[in-house]
């Protein structure tokens, strides 16, 4: 089966459900050093743009949001972000200072955190 180039999708964004898209986008904007576009967002949807290009990170309001619990299958994480770092200790301190919660620091080359809405993410120096 042949496909035309216009029929092949490109990876555009990852959207995270959360109770407050503006607040959670602010956390990730600070953590990643990304920017939000000047227009097009509102209190129910915020998109962050990767300044190096590539996929965007979006946040959408969900009423009665239930945060994932790590590690648990009662409220599974369903997805998580792996964020590459070159200085684990500096990245760790920075993440905690802007509101991340450390969940697991036992692995040698990566650590698991929760963002302010409870989504797990990893800092990876792999």
C-alpha atoms as a PDB file:
ATOM      1  CA  UNK A   1       0.000   0.000   0.000  1.00  0.00           C
ATOM      2  CA  UNK A   2       1.534   3.307  -0.982  1.00  0.00           C
ATOM      3  CA  UNK A   3       0.831   6.521   0.832  1.00  0.00           C
ATOM      4  CA  UNK A   4       1.278  10.057  -0.287  1.00  0.00           C
ATOM      5  CA  UNK A   5       3.388  12.316   1.876  1.00  0.00           C
ATOM      6  CA  UNK A   6       0.314  14.374   2.752  1.00  0.00           C
ATOM      7  CA  UNK A   7      -1.334  11.267   4.230  1.00  0.00           C
ATOM      8  CA  UNK A   8       1.466  10.641   6.748  1.00  0.00           C
ATOM      9  CA  UNK A   9       0.861  12.478  10.017  1.00  0.00           C
ATOM     10  CA  UNK A  10       3.559  14.315  11.922  1.00  0.00           C
ATOM     11  CA  UNK A  11       3.850  14.289  15.694  1.00  0.00           C
ATOM     12  CA  UNK A  12       2.341  17.583  16.833  1.00  0.00           C
ATOM     13  CA  UNK A  13       1.835  17.601  20.591  1.00  0.00           C
ATOM     14  CA  UNK A  14       1.308  15.740  23.833  1.00  0.00           C
ATOM     15  CA  UNK A  15      -1.669  16.999  25.851  1.00  0.00           C
ATOM     16  CA  UNK A  16      -1.902  16.468  29.606  1.00  0.00           C
ATOM     17  CA  UNK A  17      -5.220  16.529  31.443  1.00  0.00           C
ATOM     18  CA  UNK A  18      -5.138  18.685  34.560  1.00  0.00           C
ATOM     19  CA  UNK A  19      -7.330  20.806  36.842  1.00  0.00           C
ATOM     20  CA  UNK A  20      -5.584  24.124  35.996  1.00  0.00           C
ATOM     21  CA  UNK A  21      -3.923  24.369  32.543  1.00  0.00           C
ATOM     22  CA  UNK A  22      -2.513  27.850  33.153  1.00  0.00           C
ATOM     23  CA  UNK A  23      -0.762  26.819  36.382  1.00  0.00           C
ATOM     24  CA  UNK A  24       0.575  23.523  35.031  1.00  0.00           C
ATOM     25  CA  UNK A  25       1.800  25.172  31.825  1.00  0.00           C
ATOM     26  CA  UNK A  26       3.600  27.695  34.039  1.00  0.00           C
ATOM     27  CA  UNK A  27       5.384  24.867  35.849  1.00  0.00           C
ATOM     28  CA  UNK A  28       6.546  23.232  32.602  1.00  0.00           C
ATOM     29  CA  UNK A  29       7.371  26.594  31.013  1.00  0.00           C
ATOM     30  CA  UNK A  30       9.774  27.218  33.912  1.00  0.00           C
ATOM     31  CA  UNK A  31      11.108  23.642  33.975  1.00  0.00           C
ATOM     32  CA  UNK A  32      11.782  23.448  30.212  1.00  0.00           C
ATOM     33  CA  UNK A  33      12.436  27.107  29.387  1.00  0.00           C
ATOM     34  CA  UNK A  34       9.731  27.052  26.718  1.00  0.00           C
ATOM     35  CA  UNK A  35       7.255  29.790  25.830  1.00  0.00           C
ATOM     36  CA  UNK A  36       3.507  29.924  25.399  1.00  0.00           C
ATOM     37  CA  UNK A  37       2.166  31.493  22.201  1.00  0.00           C
ATOM     38  CA  UNK A  38       0.814  35.026  22.498  1.00  0.00           C
ATOM     39  CA  UNK A  39      -2.719  34.089  21.445  1.00  0.00           C
ATOM     40  CA  UNK A  40      -4.980  31.095  20.980  1.00  0.00           C
ATOM     41  CA  UNK A  41      -4.929  29.810  24.560  1.00  0.00           C
ATOM     42  CA  UNK A  42      -7.481  30.263  27.322  1.00  0.00           C
ATOM     43  CA  UNK A  43      -8.162  28.964  30.836  1.00  0.00           C
ATOM     44  CA  UNK A  44      -9.143  25.543  29.424  1.00  0.00           C
ATOM     45  CA  UNK A  45      -6.206  24.915  27.036  1.00  0.00           C
ATOM     46  CA  UNK A  46      -2.593  26.125  27.042  1.00  0.00           C
ATOM     47  CA  UNK A  47       0.125  25.082  24.594  1.00  0.00           C
ATOM     48  CA  UNK A  48       3.865  25.429  25.089  1.00  0.00           C
ATOM     49  CA  UNK A  49       6.105  25.730  22.034  1.00  0.00           C
ATOM     50  CA  UNK A  50       9.488  24.004  21.890  1.00  0.00           C
ATOM     51  CA  UNK A  51      11.944  26.766  20.872  1.00  0.00           C
ATOM     52  CA  UNK A  52      14.101  24.136  19.135  1.00  0.00           C
ATOM     53  CA  UNK A  53      11.161  22.912  17.040  1.00  0.00           C
ATOM     54  CA  UNK A  54       9.390  19.601  17.280  1.00  0.00           C
ATOM     55  CA  UNK A  55       6.353  18.572  19.241  1.00  0.00           C
ATOM     56  CA  UNK A  56       4.452  20.944  21.504  1.00  0.00           C
ATOM     57  CA  UNK A  57       3.287  20.288  25.062  1.00  0.00           C
ATOM     58  CA  UNK A  58      -0.347  21.150  25.793  1.00  0.00           C
ATOM     59  CA  UNK A  59      -2.515  21.202  28.902  1.00  0.00           C
ATOM     60  CA  UNK A  60      -6.281  20.789  28.966  1.00  0.00           C
ATOM     61  CA  UNK A  61      -8.716  21.375  31.802  1.00  0.00           C
ATOM     62  CA  UNK A  62     -10.575  18.314  33.040  1.00  0.00           C
ATOM     63  CA  UNK A  63     -13.275  18.718  35.646  1.00  0.00           C
ATOM     64  CA  UNK A  64     -12.986  16.245  38.533  1.00  0.00           C
ATOM     65  CA  UNK A  65      -9.387  15.482  37.552  1.00  0.00           C
ATOM     66  CA  UNK A  66      -7.881  12.510  39.398  1.00  0.00           C
ATOM     67  CA  UNK A  67      -4.111  12.660  39.590  1.00  0.00           C
ATOM     68  CA  UNK A  68      -2.156   9.520  38.753  1.00  0.00           C
ATOM     69  CA  UNK A  69      -0.407   7.768  41.618  1.00  0.00           C
ATOM     70  CA  UNK A  70       3.060   6.365  41.125  1.00  0.00           C
ATOM     71  CA  UNK A  71       3.558   3.480  41.284  1.00  0.00           C
ATOM     72  CA  UNK A  72      -0.066   2.337  41.381  1.00  0.00           C
ATOM     73  CA  UNK A  73      -2.612   0.740  39.143  1.00  0.00           C
ATOM     74  CA  UNK A  74      -5.522   2.205  41.120  1.00  0.00           C
ATOM     75  CA  UNK A  75      -4.862   5.599  39.494  1.00  0.00           C
ATOM     76  CA  UNK A  76      -2.368   4.638  36.746  1.00  0.00           C
ATOM     77  CA  UNK A  77       0.017   7.157  35.224  1.00  0.00           C
ATOM     78  CA  UNK A  78      -1.028   6.167  31.660  1.00  0.00           C
ATOM     79  CA  UNK A  79       1.874   8.219  30.271  1.00  0.00           C
ATOM     80  CA  UNK A  80       4.862  10.141  31.543  1.00  0.00           C
ATOM     81  CA  UNK A  81       7.528  12.467  30.166  1.00  0.00           C
ATOM     82  CA  UNK A  82      11.223  11.596  30.073  1.00  0.00           C
ATOM     83  CA  UNK A  83      13.297  14.779  30.190  1.00  0.00           C
ATOM     84  CA  UNK A  84      17.013  14.510  29.371  1.00  0.00           C
ATOM     85  CA  UNK A  85      19.488  16.381  31.591  1.00  0.00           C
ATOM     86  CA  UNK A  86      23.271  16.661  31.659  1.00  0.00           C
ATOM     87  CA  UNK A  87      23.613  17.685  35.334  1.00  0.00           C
ATOM     88  CA  UNK A  88      21.272  15.554  37.453  1.00  0.00           C
ATOM     89  CA  UNK A  89      21.893  17.371  40.738  1.00  0.00           C
ATOM     90  CA  UNK A  90      21.355  20.853  39.289  1.00  0.00           C
ATOM     91  CA  UNK A  91      18.229  19.695  37.402  1.00  0.00           C
ATOM     92  CA  UNK A  92      16.939  17.957  40.546  1.00  0.00           C
ATOM     93  CA  UNK A  93      17.314  21.087  42.687  1.00  0.00           C
ATOM     94  CA  UNK A  94      15.712  23.254  39.987  1.00  0.00           C
ATOM     95  CA  UNK A  95      12.728  20.910  39.569  1.00  0.00           C
ATOM     96  CA  UNK A  96      12.072  20.850  43.318  1.00  0.00           C
ATOM     97  CA  UNK A  97      12.423  24.637  43.582  1.00  0.00           C
ATOM     98  CA  UNK A  98       9.666  25.228  41.036  1.00  0.00           C
ATOM     99  CA  UNK A  99       7.209  22.745  42.522  1.00  0.00           C
ATOM    100  CA  UNK A 100       8.094  19.187  41.516  1.00  0.00           C
ATOM    101  CA  UNK A 101       7.778  16.423  44.107  1.00  0.00           C
ATOM    102  CA  UNK A 102      10.421  13.675  44.194  1.00  0.00           C
ATOM    103  CA  UNK A 103       8.834  10.216  43.949  1.00  0.00           C
ATOM    104  CA  UNK A 104      11.844   7.916  43.489  1.00  0.00           C
ATOM    105  CA  UNK A 105      15.572   8.594  43.508  1.00  0.00           C
ATOM    106  CA  UNK A 106      16.831   5.010  43.758  1.00  0.00           C
ATOM    107  CA  UNK A 107      17.883   4.540  40.105  1.00  0.00           C
ATOM    108  CA  UNK A 108      21.421   5.752  39.387  1.00  0.00           C
ATOM    109  CA  UNK A 109      20.790   7.473  36.050  1.00  0.00           C
ATOM    110  CA  UNK A 110      17.207   8.782  36.386  1.00  0.00           C
ATOM    111  CA  UNK A 111      14.735  10.041  38.990  1.00  0.00           C
ATOM    112  CA  UNK A 112      10.955  10.076  39.089  1.00  0.00           C
ATOM    113  CA  UNK A 113       9.025  13.214  40.046  1.00  0.00           C
ATOM    114  CA  UNK A 114       5.426  14.420  40.046  1.00  0.00           C
ATOM    115  CA  UNK A 115       4.454  17.761  38.569  1.00  0.00           C
ATOM    116  CA  UNK A 116       2.112  19.996  40.622  1.00  0.00           C
ATOM    117  CA  UNK A 117      -0.945  18.200  39.183  1.00  0.00           C
ATOM    118  CA  UNK A 118       0.504  14.765  40.026  1.00  0.00           C
ATOM    119  CA  UNK A 119       1.692  13.620  36.580  1.00  0.00           C
ATOM    120  CA  UNK A 120       4.880  11.564  36.844  1.00  0.00           C
ATOM    121  CA  UNK A 121       7.922  12.648  34.845  1.00  0.00           C
ATOM    122  CA  UNK A 122      11.538  11.541  34.852  1.00  0.00           C
ATOM    123  CA  UNK A 123      14.761  13.458  34.737  1.00  0.00           C
ATOM    124  CA  UNK A 124      17.156  11.229  32.814  1.00  0.00           C
ATOM    125  CA  UNK A 125      20.949  11.443  32.705  1.00  0.00           C
ATOM    126  CA  UNK A 126      21.145   8.175  30.800  1.00  0.00           C
END
